[in-house]
């Protein structure tokens, strides 16, 4: 069983990396949005909002405690990926945002 999981993991990693790099060469960050973020959202993949997996909230809390809330940066601040997904209804379509770069 272990060999199958290792083999399957190796090939699935290779497949998505190949697909992504080819699409990225053509579409730049739009390839990331289309191949990764939208698929993660569609299939409810927990790492879509990766900040909670990286410990960002813990680090922000520690930083705020140490600096008395005076830190000028934070991983979970305005503009992070998680906040962007919460505000998606008010944003332009991704294709519109990237159209200037792709033209």
C-alpha atoms as a PDB file:
ATOM      1  CA  UNK A   1       0.000   0.000   0.000  1.00  0.00           C
ATOM      2  CA  UNK A   2       2.782   2.430   0.857  1.00  0.00           C
ATOM      3  CA  UNK A   3       4.374   1.962  -2.536  1.00  0.00           C
ATOM      4  CA  UNK A   4       1.078   2.786  -4.273  1.00  0.00           C
ATOM      5  CA  UNK A   5       0.596   5.968  -2.256  1.00  0.00           C
ATOM      6  CA  UNK A   6       4.167   7.056  -2.936  1.00  0.00           C
ATOM      7  CA  UNK A   7       3.811   6.264  -6.643  1.00  0.00           C
ATOM      8  CA  UNK A   8       0.440   8.011  -6.893  1.00  0.00           C
ATOM      9  CA  UNK A   9       1.774  11.057  -5.051  1.00  0.00           C
ATOM     10  CA  UNK A  10       4.818  11.228  -7.299  1.00  0.00           C
ATOM     11  CA  UNK A  11       2.726  11.107 -10.470  1.00  0.00           C
ATOM     12  CA  UNK A  12       0.008  13.511  -9.302  1.00  0.00           C
ATOM     13  CA  UNK A  13       2.659  16.036  -8.246  1.00  0.00           C
ATOM     14  CA  UNK A  14       4.367  15.660 -11.609  1.00  0.00           C
ATOM     15  CA  UNK A  15       1.102  16.062 -13.497  1.00  0.00           C
ATOM     16  CA  UNK A  16      -0.023  19.277 -11.794  1.00  0.00           C
ATOM     17  CA  UNK A  17       3.458  20.801 -11.893  1.00  0.00           C
ATOM     18  CA  UNK A  18       3.674  20.106 -15.625  1.00  0.00           C
ATOM     19  CA  UNK A  19       0.180  21.475 -16.283  1.00  0.00           C
ATOM     20  CA  UNK A  20       0.805  24.530 -14.143  1.00  0.00           C
ATOM     21  CA  UNK A  21       4.206  25.454 -15.585  1.00  0.00           C
ATOM     22  CA  UNK A  22       2.934  25.193 -19.154  1.00  0.00           C
ATOM     23  CA  UNK A  23      -0.138  27.286 -18.364  1.00  0.00           C
ATOM     24  CA  UNK A  24       1.934  29.789 -16.345  1.00  0.00           C
ATOM     25  CA  UNK A  25       4.260  30.357 -19.294  1.00  0.00           C
ATOM     26  CA  UNK A  26       1.219  31.442 -21.292  1.00  0.00           C
ATOM     27  CA  UNK A  27      -1.188  32.991 -18.770  1.00  0.00           C
ATOM     28  CA  UNK A  28       1.053  33.973 -15.847  1.00  0.00           C
ATOM     29  CA  UNK A  29      -0.771  34.249 -12.482  1.00  0.00           C
ATOM     30  CA  UNK A  30      -4.099  33.606 -14.156  1.00  0.00           C
ATOM     31  CA  UNK A  31      -2.881  30.014 -14.562  1.00  0.00           C
ATOM     32  CA  UNK A  32      -2.556  29.777 -10.771  1.00  0.00           C
ATOM     33  CA  UNK A  33      -6.066  31.125 -10.291  1.00  0.00           C
ATOM     34  CA  UNK A  34      -7.608  28.808 -12.886  1.00  0.00           C
ATOM     35  CA  UNK A  35      -5.686  25.595 -12.196  1.00  0.00           C
ATOM     36  CA  UNK A  36      -5.175  25.821  -8.454  1.00  0.00           C
ATOM     37  CA  UNK A  37      -7.327  28.314  -6.580  1.00  0.00           C
ATOM     38  CA  UNK A  38     -10.584  27.640  -8.410  1.00  0.00           C
ATOM     39  CA  UNK A  39     -10.087  23.869  -8.172  1.00  0.00           C
ATOM     40  CA  UNK A  40      -9.328  24.156  -4.444  1.00  0.00           C
ATOM     41  CA  UNK A  41     -12.484  26.192  -3.980  1.00  0.00           C
ATOM     42  CA  UNK A  42     -14.613  23.809  -6.081  1.00  0.00           C
ATOM     43  CA  UNK A  43     -13.461  20.727  -4.178  1.00  0.00           C
ATOM     44  CA  UNK A  44     -13.388  22.456  -0.753  1.00  0.00           C
ATOM     45  CA  UNK A  45      -9.652  21.916  -0.248  1.00  0.00           C
ATOM     46  CA  UNK A  46      -8.713  23.245   3.192  1.00  0.00           C
ATOM     47  CA  UNK A  47      -5.387  24.736   2.072  1.00  0.00           C
ATOM     48  CA  UNK A  48      -7.142  27.257  -0.170  1.00  0.00           C
ATOM     49  CA  UNK A  49      -6.873  29.692   2.729  1.00  0.00           C
ATOM     50  CA  UNK A  50      -3.311  28.708   3.520  1.00  0.00           C
ATOM     51  CA  UNK A  51      -2.690  31.311   6.224  1.00  0.00           C
ATOM     52  CA  UNK A  52      -4.425  29.198   8.867  1.00  0.00           C
ATOM     53  CA  UNK A  53      -2.210  26.235   7.934  1.00  0.00           C
ATOM     54  CA  UNK A  54       1.017  28.229   8.127  1.00  0.00           C
ATOM     55  CA  UNK A  55       0.575  29.521  11.691  1.00  0.00           C
ATOM     56  CA  UNK A  56       0.149  33.103  10.498  1.00  0.00           C
ATOM     57  CA  UNK A  57      -2.532  33.922  13.075  1.00  0.00           C
ATOM     58  CA  UNK A  58      -0.320  32.655  15.904  1.00  0.00           C
ATOM     59  CA  UNK A  59       2.633  34.725  14.705  1.00  0.00           C
ATOM     60  CA  UNK A  60       0.432  37.824  14.315  1.00  0.00           C
ATOM     61  CA  UNK A  61      -0.884  37.367  17.872  1.00  0.00           C
ATOM     62  CA  UNK A  62       2.637  36.997  19.225  1.00  0.00           C
ATOM     63  CA  UNK A  63       3.821  40.049  17.272  1.00  0.00           C
ATOM     64  CA  UNK A  64       0.904  42.129  18.525  1.00  0.00           C
ATOM     65  CA  UNK A  65       1.603  41.026  22.110  1.00  0.00           C
ATOM     66  CA  UNK A  66       5.309  41.806  21.916  1.00  0.00           C
ATOM     67  CA  UNK A  67       4.869  45.197  20.253  1.00  0.00           C
ATOM     68  CA  UNK A  68       1.786  46.214  22.227  1.00  0.00           C
ATOM     69  CA  UNK A  69      -0.247  46.231  19.019  1.00  0.00           C
ATOM     70  CA  UNK A  70       2.096  48.682  17.287  1.00  0.00           C
ATOM     71  CA  UNK A  71       3.438  46.319  14.592  1.00  0.00           C
ATOM     72  CA  UNK A  72       3.052  47.774  11.116  1.00  0.00           C
ATOM     73  CA  UNK A  73       2.833  44.403   9.364  1.00  0.00           C
ATOM     74  CA  UNK A  74       0.833  41.235   9.793  1.00  0.00           C
ATOM     75  CA  UNK A  75       0.304  38.092   7.772  1.00  0.00           C
ATOM     76  CA  UNK A  76      -3.447  38.149   8.334  1.00  0.00           C
ATOM     77  CA  UNK A  77      -3.872  41.825   7.555  1.00  0.00           C
ATOM     78  CA  UNK A  78      -5.971  43.443   4.875  1.00  0.00           C
ATOM     79  CA  UNK A  79      -5.202  42.156   1.390  1.00  0.00           C
ATOM     80  CA  UNK A  80      -4.188  38.611   2.274  1.00  0.00           C
ATOM     81  CA  UNK A  81      -5.585  35.681   0.308  1.00  0.00           C
ATOM     82  CA  UNK A  82      -8.136  34.723   2.950  1.00  0.00           C
ATOM     83  CA  UNK A  83      -9.523  38.267   3.118  1.00  0.00           C
ATOM     84  CA  UNK A  84      -9.661  38.390  -0.675  1.00  0.00           C
ATOM     85  CA  UNK A  85     -11.879  35.308  -0.793  1.00  0.00           C
ATOM     86  CA  UNK A  86     -14.247  36.831   1.751  1.00  0.00           C
ATOM     87  CA  UNK A  87     -14.522  39.978  -0.373  1.00  0.00           C
ATOM     88  CA  UNK A  88     -14.805  38.194  -3.731  1.00  0.00           C
ATOM     89  CA  UNK A  89     -18.325  39.500  -4.375  1.00  0.00           C
ATOM     90  CA  UNK A  90     -17.069  43.072  -4.505  1.00  0.00           C
ATOM     91  CA  UNK A  91     -14.070  42.425  -6.748  1.00  0.00           C
ATOM     92  CA  UNK A  92     -13.809  42.392 -10.498  1.00  0.00           C
ATOM     93  CA  UNK A  93     -13.405  39.052 -12.206  1.00  0.00           C
ATOM     94  CA  UNK A  94      -9.859  37.741 -12.049  1.00  0.00           C
ATOM     95  CA  UNK A  95      -9.571  37.780 -15.829  1.00  0.00           C
ATOM     96  CA  UNK A  96     -10.379  41.512 -15.834  1.00  0.00           C
ATOM     97  CA  UNK A  97      -7.732  42.208 -13.214  1.00  0.00           C
ATOM     98  CA  UNK A  98      -5.060  40.368 -15.187  1.00  0.00           C
ATOM     99  CA  UNK A  99      -6.138  41.464 -18.666  1.00  0.00           C
ATOM    100  CA  UNK A 100      -3.766  44.440 -18.628  1.00  0.00           C
ATOM    101  CA  UNK A 101      -0.834  42.140 -17.939  1.00  0.00           C
ATOM    102  CA  UNK A 102      -1.834  39.593 -20.567  1.00  0.00           C
ATOM    103  CA  UNK A 103      -2.389  42.045 -23.432  1.00  0.00           C
END
